């Protein structure tokens, strides 16, 4: 099974504070076991919401843009990872070992099973490549319907599959995955490094993620233009959040 590991935002991540060398080393050690087994598939940090936008659509299908920052810091996403695990219990055990150096020992991490309820397959790898282009994650926000594991039907799913295929073959759409509802999810909250596990579903529906895509393009405007043509399952009712992904060098501590 594949799981999306979502590290929730905090004041430091929203301020763009770079991780300490101690945290980078601890996180590197933490993922080494899964990486050695080929089960750590991706890990990405999201830039602060002040650099992102939220997108809704007008009656004409044109994007309506709300610039960040966004106020609900604790519900924002600061980082995502994709892992392979035999079960949710195994994924929880891995997350329980989250480095105490992160978020001063008070990180909050959601575990979401990857898989579109309608059966649309995921694709691609969001990882950084040798390219001058920027990467952006487009997160489709959840709603009451997606939280029922709604299947939009073959017509919509076929159009989504074709749009995914075309974007991937064109080289700019590098990954995309759907998520099951939060009733299948777990949340691990840390207090001074000690984990507590909470069962889904979670109440903050409008801030959760129902699916995501990663694009490698020259500008945010290109991402918005793509979003205006993509056949989202909610059509003009789709709500998106678009955030830039860090390059590795942007996360390294500043040399003293």
C-alpha atoms as a PDB file:
ATOM      1  CA  UNK A   1       0.000   0.000   0.000  1.00  0.00           C
ATOM      2  CA  UNK A   2       1.055   3.562  -0.615  1.00  0.00           C
ATOM      3  CA  UNK A   3       0.486   6.332   1.890  1.00  0.00           C
ATOM      4  CA  UNK A   4       0.771  10.108   1.723  1.00  0.00           C
ATOM      5  CA  UNK A   5       2.477  11.448   4.841  1.00  0.00           C
ATOM      6  CA  UNK A   6       1.408  15.067   5.421  1.00  0.00           C
ATOM      7  CA  UNK A   7       3.421  17.170   7.834  1.00  0.00           C
ATOM      8  CA  UNK A   8       1.084  19.961   8.946  1.00  0.00           C
ATOM      9  CA  UNK A   9       2.295  23.540   9.018  1.00  0.00           C
ATOM     10  CA  UNK A  10       3.363  25.542  12.048  1.00  0.00           C
ATOM     11  CA  UNK A  11       4.592  29.078  12.664  1.00  0.00           C
ATOM     12  CA  UNK A  12       8.169  28.234  11.631  1.00  0.00           C
ATOM     13  CA  UNK A  13       7.218  26.590   8.337  1.00  0.00           C
ATOM     14  CA  UNK A  14       4.874  29.466   7.508  1.00  0.00           C
ATOM     15  CA  UNK A  15       7.676  31.938   8.259  1.00  0.00           C
ATOM     16  CA  UNK A  16      10.006  30.073   5.878  1.00  0.00           C
ATOM     17  CA  UNK A  17      12.474  29.211   8.647  1.00  0.00           C
ATOM     18  CA  UNK A  18      15.117  26.855   7.268  1.00  0.00           C
ATOM     19  CA  UNK A  19      15.559  23.524   9.036  1.00  0.00           C
ATOM     20  CA  UNK A  20      18.532  23.265  11.334  1.00  0.00           C
ATOM     21  CA  UNK A  21      21.485  21.082  10.437  1.00  0.00           C
ATOM     22  CA  UNK A  22      20.471  18.821  13.336  1.00  0.00           C
ATOM     23  CA  UNK A  23      17.011  18.351  11.857  1.00  0.00           C
ATOM     24  CA  UNK A  24      18.331  17.667   8.361  1.00  0.00           C
ATOM     25  CA  UNK A  25      20.698  15.021   9.741  1.00  0.00           C
ATOM     26  CA  UNK A  26      17.996  13.470  11.935  1.00  0.00           C
ATOM     27  CA  UNK A  27      15.490  13.350   9.075  1.00  0.00           C
ATOM     28  CA  UNK A  28      18.105  11.844   6.788  1.00  0.00           C
ATOM     29  CA  UNK A  29      18.815   9.100   9.301  1.00  0.00           C
ATOM     30  CA  UNK A  30      15.078   8.583   9.797  1.00  0.00           C
ATOM     31  CA  UNK A  31      14.284   7.857   6.159  1.00  0.00           C
ATOM     32  CA  UNK A  32      17.418   5.804   5.483  1.00  0.00           C
ATOM     33  CA  UNK A  33      15.823   2.477   6.434  1.00  0.00           C
ATOM     34  CA  UNK A  34      12.788   2.899   4.200  1.00  0.00           C
ATOM     35  CA  UNK A  35      14.925   4.370   1.416  1.00  0.00           C
ATOM     36  CA  UNK A  36      17.316   1.415   1.554  1.00  0.00           C
ATOM     37  CA  UNK A  37      14.320  -0.906   1.153  1.00  0.00           C
ATOM     38  CA  UNK A  38      12.963   1.136  -1.750  1.00  0.00           C
ATOM     39  CA  UNK A  39       9.866   2.086   0.260  1.00  0.00           C
ATOM     40  CA  UNK A  40      10.523   5.807   0.689  1.00  0.00           C
ATOM     41  CA  UNK A  41       9.301   7.079  -2.668  1.00  0.00           C
ATOM     42  CA  UNK A  42       9.337  10.868  -2.334  1.00  0.00           C
ATOM     43  CA  UNK A  43       9.710  13.666   0.182  1.00  0.00           C
ATOM     44  CA  UNK A  44       8.947  17.307  -0.553  1.00  0.00           C
ATOM     45  CA  UNK A  45       8.757  20.563   1.405  1.00  0.00           C
ATOM     46  CA  UNK A  46       6.151  23.183   0.509  1.00  0.00           C
ATOM     47  CA  UNK A  47       7.000  26.858   0.455  1.00  0.00           C
ATOM     48  CA  UNK A  48       5.024  29.123   2.828  1.00  0.00           C
ATOM     49  CA  UNK A  49       1.436  29.912   1.943  1.00  0.00           C
ATOM     50  CA  UNK A  50       2.344  33.582   1.439  1.00  0.00           C
ATOM     51  CA  UNK A  51       3.919  32.427  -1.849  1.00  0.00           C
ATOM     52  CA  UNK A  52       0.905  30.355  -2.845  1.00  0.00           C
ATOM     53  CA  UNK A  53      -2.596  30.964  -4.141  1.00  0.00           C
ATOM     54  CA  UNK A  54      -6.050  29.486  -3.739  1.00  0.00           C
ATOM     55  CA  UNK A  55      -8.155  29.043  -6.833  1.00  0.00           C
ATOM     56  CA  UNK A  56     -11.901  28.846  -7.350  1.00  0.00           C
ATOM     57  CA  UNK A  57     -13.685  29.189 -10.681  1.00  0.00           C
ATOM     58  CA  UNK A  58     -16.155  31.736 -11.975  1.00  0.00           C
ATOM     59  CA  UNK A  59     -19.215  30.927 -14.120  1.00  0.00           C
ATOM     60  CA  UNK A  60     -17.033  31.257 -17.236  1.00  0.00           C
ATOM     61  CA  UNK A  61     -14.521  28.741 -15.897  1.00  0.00           C
ATOM     62  CA  UNK A  62     -11.855  31.403 -15.374  1.00  0.00           C
ATOM     63  CA  UNK A  63      -9.704  31.151 -12.274  1.00  0.00           C
ATOM     64  CA  UNK A  64     -10.518  33.421  -9.341  1.00  0.00           C
ATOM     65  CA  UNK A  65      -7.321  33.926  -7.371  1.00  0.00           C
ATOM     66  CA  UNK A  66      -6.854  34.478  -3.650  1.00  0.00           C
ATOM     67  CA  UNK A  67      -3.267  35.289  -2.768  1.00  0.00           C
ATOM     68  CA  UNK A  68      -1.661  33.884   0.376  1.00  0.00           C
ATOM     69  CA  UNK A  69      -0.818  33.902   3.184  1.00  0.00           C
ATOM     70  CA  UNK A  70      -3.690  31.911   4.658  1.00  0.00           C
ATOM     71  CA  UNK A  71      -4.672  32.259   8.286  1.00  0.00           C
ATOM     72  CA  UNK A  72      -5.459  28.674   9.341  1.00  0.00           C
ATOM     73  CA  UNK A  73      -1.799  27.775   9.883  1.00  0.00           C
ATOM     74  CA  UNK A  74      -2.370  24.496  11.748  1.00  0.00           C
ATOM     75  CA  UNK A  75      -4.453  23.088   8.887  1.00  0.00           C
ATOM     76  CA  UNK A  76      -2.014  23.998   6.093  1.00  0.00           C
ATOM     77  CA  UNK A  77       0.461  21.550   4.586  1.00  0.00           C
ATOM     78  CA  UNK A  78       4.189  22.066   5.141  1.00  0.00           C
ATOM     79  CA  UNK A  79       5.534  18.854   3.645  1.00  0.00           C
ATOM     80  CA  UNK A  80       4.527  15.640   1.923  1.00  0.00           C
ATOM     81  CA  UNK A  81       6.135  12.231   1.612  1.00  0.00           C
ATOM     82  CA  UNK A  82       5.048   9.082  -0.210  1.00  0.00           C
ATOM     83  CA  UNK A  83       5.893   5.749   1.355  1.00  0.00           C
ATOM     84  CA  UNK A  84       5.176   2.063   0.777  1.00  0.00           C
ATOM     85  CA  UNK A  85       3.955   0.096   3.808  1.00  0.00           C
ATOM     86  CA  UNK A  86       2.277  -3.256   4.317  1.00  0.00           C
ATOM     87  CA  UNK A  87      -0.560  -1.709   6.314  1.00  0.00           C
ATOM     88  CA  UNK A  88      -1.780   1.427   8.054  1.00  0.00           C
ATOM     89  CA  UNK A  89      -0.386   0.035  11.314  1.00  0.00           C
ATOM     90  CA  UNK A  90       3.064  -0.217   9.751  1.00  0.00           C
ATOM     91  CA  UNK A  91       2.792   3.352   8.436  1.00  0.00           C
ATOM     92  CA  UNK A  92       1.778   4.547  11.925  1.00  0.00           C
ATOM     93  CA  UNK A  93       4.770   2.780  13.487  1.00  0.00           C
ATOM     94  CA  UNK A  94       7.062   4.558  11.050  1.00  0.00           C
ATOM     95  CA  UNK A  95       5.525   7.972  11.720  1.00  0.00           C
ATOM     96  CA  UNK A  96       5.773   7.444  15.483  1.00  0.00           C
ATOM     97  CA  UNK A  97       9.531   7.641  15.026  1.00  0.00           C
ATOM     98  CA  UNK A  98       9.336  11.145  13.533  1.00  0.00           C
ATOM     99  CA  UNK A  99      12.424  13.138  14.585  1.00  0.00           C
ATOM    100  CA  UNK A 100      11.901  15.127  17.780  1.00  0.00           C
ATOM    101  CA  UNK A 101      14.100  17.825  16.256  1.00  0.00           C
ATOM    102  CA  UNK A 102      11.182  18.802  14.005  1.00  0.00           C
ATOM    103  CA  UNK A 103       8.709  21.458  15.194  1.00  0.00           C
ATOM    104  CA  UNK A 104      10.404  21.545  18.602  1.00  0.00           C
ATOM    105  CA  UNK A 105       9.010  18.057  19.263  1.00  0.00           C
ATOM    106  CA  UNK A 106       5.412  19.113  18.538  1.00  0.00           C
ATOM    107  CA  UNK A 107       4.911  18.066  14.893  1.00  0.00           C
ATOM    108  CA  UNK A 108       1.497  16.977  13.623  1.00  0.00           C
ATOM    109  CA  UNK A 109       1.502  14.371  10.852  1.00  0.00           C
ATOM    110  CA  UNK A 110      -1.446  12.958   8.905  1.00  0.00           C
ATOM    111  CA  UNK A 111      -1.338   9.543   7.235  1.00  0.00           C
ATOM    112  CA  UNK A 112      -3.614   9.209   4.201  1.00  0.00           C
ATOM    113  CA  UNK A 113      -3.996   6.071   2.041  1.00  0.00           C
ATOM    114  CA  UNK A 114      -3.268   6.885  -1.592  1.00  0.00           C
ATOM    115  CA  UNK A 115      -5.924   5.796  -4.064  1.00  0.00           C
ATOM    116  CA  UNK A 116      -8.737   7.472  -5.965  1.00  0.00           C
ATOM    117  CA  UNK A 117     -12.133   6.151  -4.734  1.00  0.00           C
ATOM    118  CA  UNK A 118     -13.209   5.878  -8.366  1.00  0.00           C
ATOM    119  CA  UNK A 119     -10.209   3.738  -9.259  1.00  0.00           C
ATOM    120  CA  UNK A 120      -8.278   6.305 -11.336  1.00  0.00           C
ATOM    121  CA  UNK A 121      -4.623   5.306 -11.153  1.00  0.00           C
ATOM    122  CA  UNK A 122      -1.925   7.580  -9.813  1.00  0.00           C
ATOM    123  CA  UNK A 123       1.247   8.259 -11.760  1.00  0.00           C
ATOM    124  CA  UNK A 124       4.671   9.818 -11.749  1.00  0.00           C
ATOM    125  CA  UNK A 125       7.323  11.005  -9.331  1.00  0.00           C
ATOM    126  CA  UNK A 126       7.255  14.512  -7.813  1.00  0.00           C
ATOM    127  CA  UNK A 127      10.960  14.455  -6.941  1.00  0.00           C
ATOM    128  CA  UNK A 128      13.360  17.155  -8.036  1.00  0.00           C
ATOM    129  CA  UNK A 129      15.162  16.609 -11.342  1.00  0.00           C
ATOM    130  CA  UNK A 130      18.016  18.346 -13.127  1.00  0.00           C
ATOM    131  CA  UNK A 131      15.827  21.109 -14.502  1.00  0.00           C
ATOM    132  CA  UNK A 132      15.779  24.900 -14.173  1.00  0.00           C
ATOM    133  CA  UNK A 133      11.993  24.847 -13.994  1.00  0.00           C
ATOM    134  CA  UNK A 134      10.060  25.240 -10.741  1.00  0.00           C
ATOM    135  CA  UNK A 135       7.754  22.627  -9.263  1.00  0.00           C
ATOM    136  CA  UNK A 136       4.290  23.350  -7.921  1.00  0.00           C
ATOM    137  CA  UNK A 137       1.834  21.114  -6.104  1.00  0.00           C
ATOM    138  CA  UNK A 138      -1.853  21.595  -6.919  1.00  0.00           C
ATOM    139  CA  UNK A 139      -4.005  20.317  -4.063  1.00  0.00           C
ATOM    140  CA  UNK A 140      -7.682  19.650  -4.704  1.00  0.00           C
ATOM    141  CA  UNK A 141      -9.453  20.583  -1.499  1.00  0.00           C
ATOM    142  CA  UNK A 142     -11.929  18.160   0.035  1.00  0.00           C
ATOM    143  CA  UNK A 143     -15.648  18.699   0.450  1.00  0.00           C
ATOM    144  CA  UNK A 144     -18.572  16.825   1.958  1.00  0.00           C
ATOM    145  CA  UNK A 145     -18.965  14.762  -1.199  1.00  0.00           C
ATOM    146  CA  UNK A 146     -15.321  13.671  -1.442  1.00  0.00           C
ATOM    147  CA  UNK A 147     -15.480  12.731   2.243  1.00  0.00           C
ATOM    148  CA  UNK A 148     -18.059  10.048   1.291  1.00  0.00           C
ATOM    149  CA  UNK A 149     -15.481   8.427  -1.074  1.00  0.00           C
ATOM    150  CA  UNK A 150     -17.658   9.594  -3.956  1.00  0.00           C
ATOM    151  CA  UNK A 151     -17.075   7.994  -7.352  1.00  0.00           C
ATOM    152  CA  UNK A 152     -17.656  10.630 -10.077  1.00  0.00           C
ATOM    153  CA  UNK A 153     -18.308   7.941 -12.711  1.00  0.00           C
ATOM    154  CA  UNK A 154     -16.569   6.764 -15.885  1.00  0.00           C
ATOM    155  CA  UNK A 155     -17.243   9.899 -17.933  1.00  0.00           C
ATOM    156  CA  UNK A 156     -15.365  12.236 -15.602  1.00  0.00           C
ATOM    157  CA  UNK A 157     -12.709   9.637 -14.752  1.00  0.00           C
ATOM    158  CA  UNK A 158     -11.975   9.024 -18.440  1.00  0.00           C
ATOM    159  CA  UNK A 159     -11.529  12.766 -19.048  1.00  0.00           C
ATOM    160  CA  UNK A 160      -9.223  13.022 -16.034  1.00  0.00           C
ATOM    161  CA  UNK A 161      -7.185  10.023 -17.205  1.00  0.00           C
ATOM    162  CA  UNK A 162      -6.786  11.568 -20.660  1.00  0.00           C
ATOM    163  CA  UNK A 163      -5.730  14.935 -19.207  1.00  0.00           C
ATOM    164  CA  UNK A 164      -3.237  13.176 -16.929  1.00  0.00           C
ATOM    165  CA  UNK A 165      -1.822  11.185 -19.831  1.00  0.00           C
ATOM    166  CA  UNK A 166      -1.500  14.239 -22.079  1.00  0.00           C
ATOM    167  CA  UNK A 167       0.187  16.359 -19.411  1.00  0.00           C
ATOM    168  CA  UNK A 168       2.542  13.569 -18.398  1.00  0.00           C
ATOM    169  CA  UNK A 169       3.553  12.827 -21.987  1.00  0.00           C
ATOM    170  CA  UNK A 170       4.114  16.550 -22.573  1.00  0.00           C
ATOM    171  CA  UNK A 171       6.578  16.486 -19.680  1.00  0.00           C
ATOM    172  CA  UNK A 172       5.136  19.193 -17.439  1.00  0.00           C
ATOM    173  CA  UNK A 173       2.719  17.093 -15.357  1.00  0.00           C
ATOM    174  CA  UNK A 174       5.112  14.931 -13.393  1.00  0.00           C
ATOM    175  CA  UNK A 175       2.861  13.280 -10.789  1.00  0.00           C
ATOM    176  CA  UNK A 176      -0.733  12.938  -9.658  1.00  0.00           C
ATOM    177  CA  UNK A 177      -2.567  10.912  -7.022  1.00  0.00           C
ATOM    178  CA  UNK A 178      -6.049  10.691  -5.521  1.00  0.00           C
ATOM    179  CA  UNK A 179      -6.718  10.121  -1.832  1.00  0.00           C
ATOM    180  CA  UNK A 180      -9.453   8.256  -0.020  1.00  0.00           C
ATOM    181  CA  UNK A 181     -11.501  10.162   2.543  1.00  0.00           C
ATOM    182  CA  UNK A 182     -10.185  11.111   5.962  1.00  0.00           C
ATOM    183  CA  UNK A 183     -12.236   8.381   7.640  1.00  0.00           C
ATOM    184  CA  UNK A 184      -9.487   6.043   6.425  1.00  0.00           C
ATOM    185  CA  UNK A 185      -6.771   8.332   7.803  1.00  0.00           C
ATOM    186  CA  UNK A 186      -4.800   8.590  11.016  1.00  0.00           C
ATOM    187  CA  UNK A 187      -3.209  11.615  12.655  1.00  0.00           C
ATOM    188  CA  UNK A 188      -0.119  11.450  14.823  1.00  0.00           C
ATOM    189  CA  UNK A 189       0.328  14.440  17.105  1.00  0.00           C
ATOM    190  CA  UNK A 190       3.533  14.895  19.075  1.00  0.00           C
ATOM    191  CA  UNK A 191       4.030  16.630  22.397  1.00  0.00           C
ATOM    192  CA  UNK A 192       7.681  17.009  23.345  1.00  0.00           C
ATOM    193  CA  UNK A 193       8.448  14.157  20.974  1.00  0.00           C
ATOM    194  CA  UNK A 194       5.860  11.740  22.375  1.00  0.00           C
ATOM    195  CA  UNK A 195       3.253  10.549  19.833  1.00  0.00           C
ATOM    196  CA  UNK A 196      -0.505  10.226  20.215  1.00  0.00           C
ATOM    197  CA  UNK A 197      -2.567   8.617  17.430  1.00  0.00           C
ATOM    198  CA  UNK A 198      -5.990   9.996  16.462  1.00  0.00           C
ATOM    199  CA  UNK A 199      -8.510   8.253  14.212  1.00  0.00           C
ATOM    200  CA  UNK A 200     -10.199   9.898  11.245  1.00  0.00           C
ATOM    201  CA  UNK A 201     -12.497  11.293  10.022  1.00  0.00           C
ATOM    202  CA  UNK A 202     -11.375  14.830  10.760  1.00  0.00           C
ATOM    203  CA  UNK A 203     -13.626  17.851  11.143  1.00  0.00           C
ATOM    204  CA  UNK A 204     -11.743  20.451   9.084  1.00  0.00           C
ATOM    205  CA  UNK A 205     -13.106  19.176   5.736  1.00  0.00           C
ATOM    206  CA  UNK A 206     -12.497  22.362   3.745  1.00  0.00           C
ATOM    207  CA  UNK A 207      -8.768  22.349   4.565  1.00  0.00           C
ATOM    208  CA  UNK A 208      -8.114  18.687   3.787  1.00  0.00           C
ATOM    209  CA  UNK A 209      -6.766  17.349   0.508  1.00  0.00           C
ATOM    210  CA  UNK A 210      -8.722  15.031  -1.803  1.00  0.00           C
ATOM    211  CA  UNK A 211      -6.006  14.669  -4.442  1.00  0.00           C
ATOM    212  CA  UNK A 212      -2.896  16.369  -5.782  1.00  0.00           C
ATOM    213  CA  UNK A 213      -0.823  16.929  -8.908  1.00  0.00           C
ATOM    214  CA  UNK A 214       2.763  18.143  -9.306  1.00  0.00           C
ATOM    215  CA  UNK A 215       3.761  20.297 -12.275  1.00  0.00           C
ATOM    216  CA  UNK A 216       7.221  21.331 -13.470  1.00  0.00           C
ATOM    217  CA  UNK A 217       6.836  24.645 -15.309  1.00  0.00           C
ATOM    218  CA  UNK A 218       8.336  28.108 -15.645  1.00  0.00           C
ATOM    219  CA  UNK A 219       5.781  30.063 -13.626  1.00  0.00           C
ATOM    220  CA  UNK A 220       2.742  30.004 -11.391  1.00  0.00           C
ATOM    221  CA  UNK A 221       0.721  31.502 -14.252  1.00  0.00           C
ATOM    222  CA  UNK A 222       1.273  28.295 -16.246  1.00  0.00           C
ATOM    223  CA  UNK A 223      -0.109  26.238 -13.362  1.00  0.00           C
ATOM    224  CA  UNK A 224      -3.221  28.410 -13.172  1.00  0.00           C
ATOM    225  CA  UNK A 225      -3.708  28.154 -16.950  1.00  0.00           C
ATOM    226  CA  UNK A 226      -3.504  24.346 -16.685  1.00  0.00           C
ATOM    227  CA  UNK A 227      -6.011  24.331 -13.823  1.00  0.00           C
ATOM    228  CA  UNK A 228      -8.511  26.286 -15.953  1.00  0.00           C
ATOM    229  CA  UNK A 229      -8.596  23.444 -18.489  1.00  0.00           C
ATOM    230  CA  UNK A 230      -8.357  20.394 -16.209  1.00  0.00           C
ATOM    231  CA  UNK A 231     -11.580  18.326 -15.797  1.00  0.00           C
ATOM    232  CA  UNK A 232     -11.726  18.291 -12.001  1.00  0.00           C
ATOM    233  CA  UNK A 233     -14.443  15.997 -10.615  1.00  0.00           C
ATOM    234  CA  UNK A 234     -16.267  18.968  -9.064  1.00  0.00           C
ATOM    235  CA  UNK A 235     -16.046  21.027 -12.250  1.00  0.00           C
ATOM    236  CA  UNK A 236     -16.492  24.744 -11.562  1.00  0.00           C
ATOM    237  CA  UNK A 237     -17.024  23.965  -7.866  1.00  0.00           C
ATOM    238  CA  UNK A 238     -13.425  22.736  -7.492  1.00  0.00           C
ATOM    239  CA  UNK A 239     -11.307  24.512  -4.887  1.00  0.00           C
ATOM    240  CA  UNK A 240      -7.530  24.385  -5.261  1.00  0.00           C
ATOM    241  CA  UNK A 241      -4.466  25.432  -3.338  1.00  0.00           C
ATOM    242  CA  UNK A 242      -1.248  25.860  -5.322  1.00  0.00           C
ATOM    243  CA  UNK A 243       2.080  25.913  -3.505  1.00  0.00           C
ATOM    244  CA  UNK A 244       5.667  25.924  -4.690  1.00  0.00           C
ATOM    245  CA  UNK A 245       7.990  23.068  -3.739  1.00  0.00           C
ATOM    246  CA  UNK A 246      11.425  23.738  -2.327  1.00  0.00           C
ATOM    247  CA  UNK A 247      14.609  22.811  -4.098  1.00  0.00           C
ATOM    248  CA  UNK A 248      17.051  20.957  -1.887  1.00  0.00           C
ATOM    249  CA  UNK A 249      19.507  23.862  -1.775  1.00  0.00           C
ATOM    250  CA  UNK A 250      16.758  26.158  -0.498  1.00  0.00           C
ATOM    251  CA  UNK A 251      16.377  23.961   2.576  1.00  0.00           C
ATOM    252  CA  UNK A 252      20.041  23.742   3.506  1.00  0.00           C
ATOM    253  CA  UNK A 253      21.135  25.836   6.513  1.00  0.00           C
ATOM    254  CA  UNK A 254      22.867  29.076   5.695  1.00  0.00           C
ATOM    255  CA  UNK A 255      26.635  28.744   6.143  1.00  0.00           C
ATOM    256  CA  UNK A 256      27.878  30.723   9.136  1.00  0.00           C
END
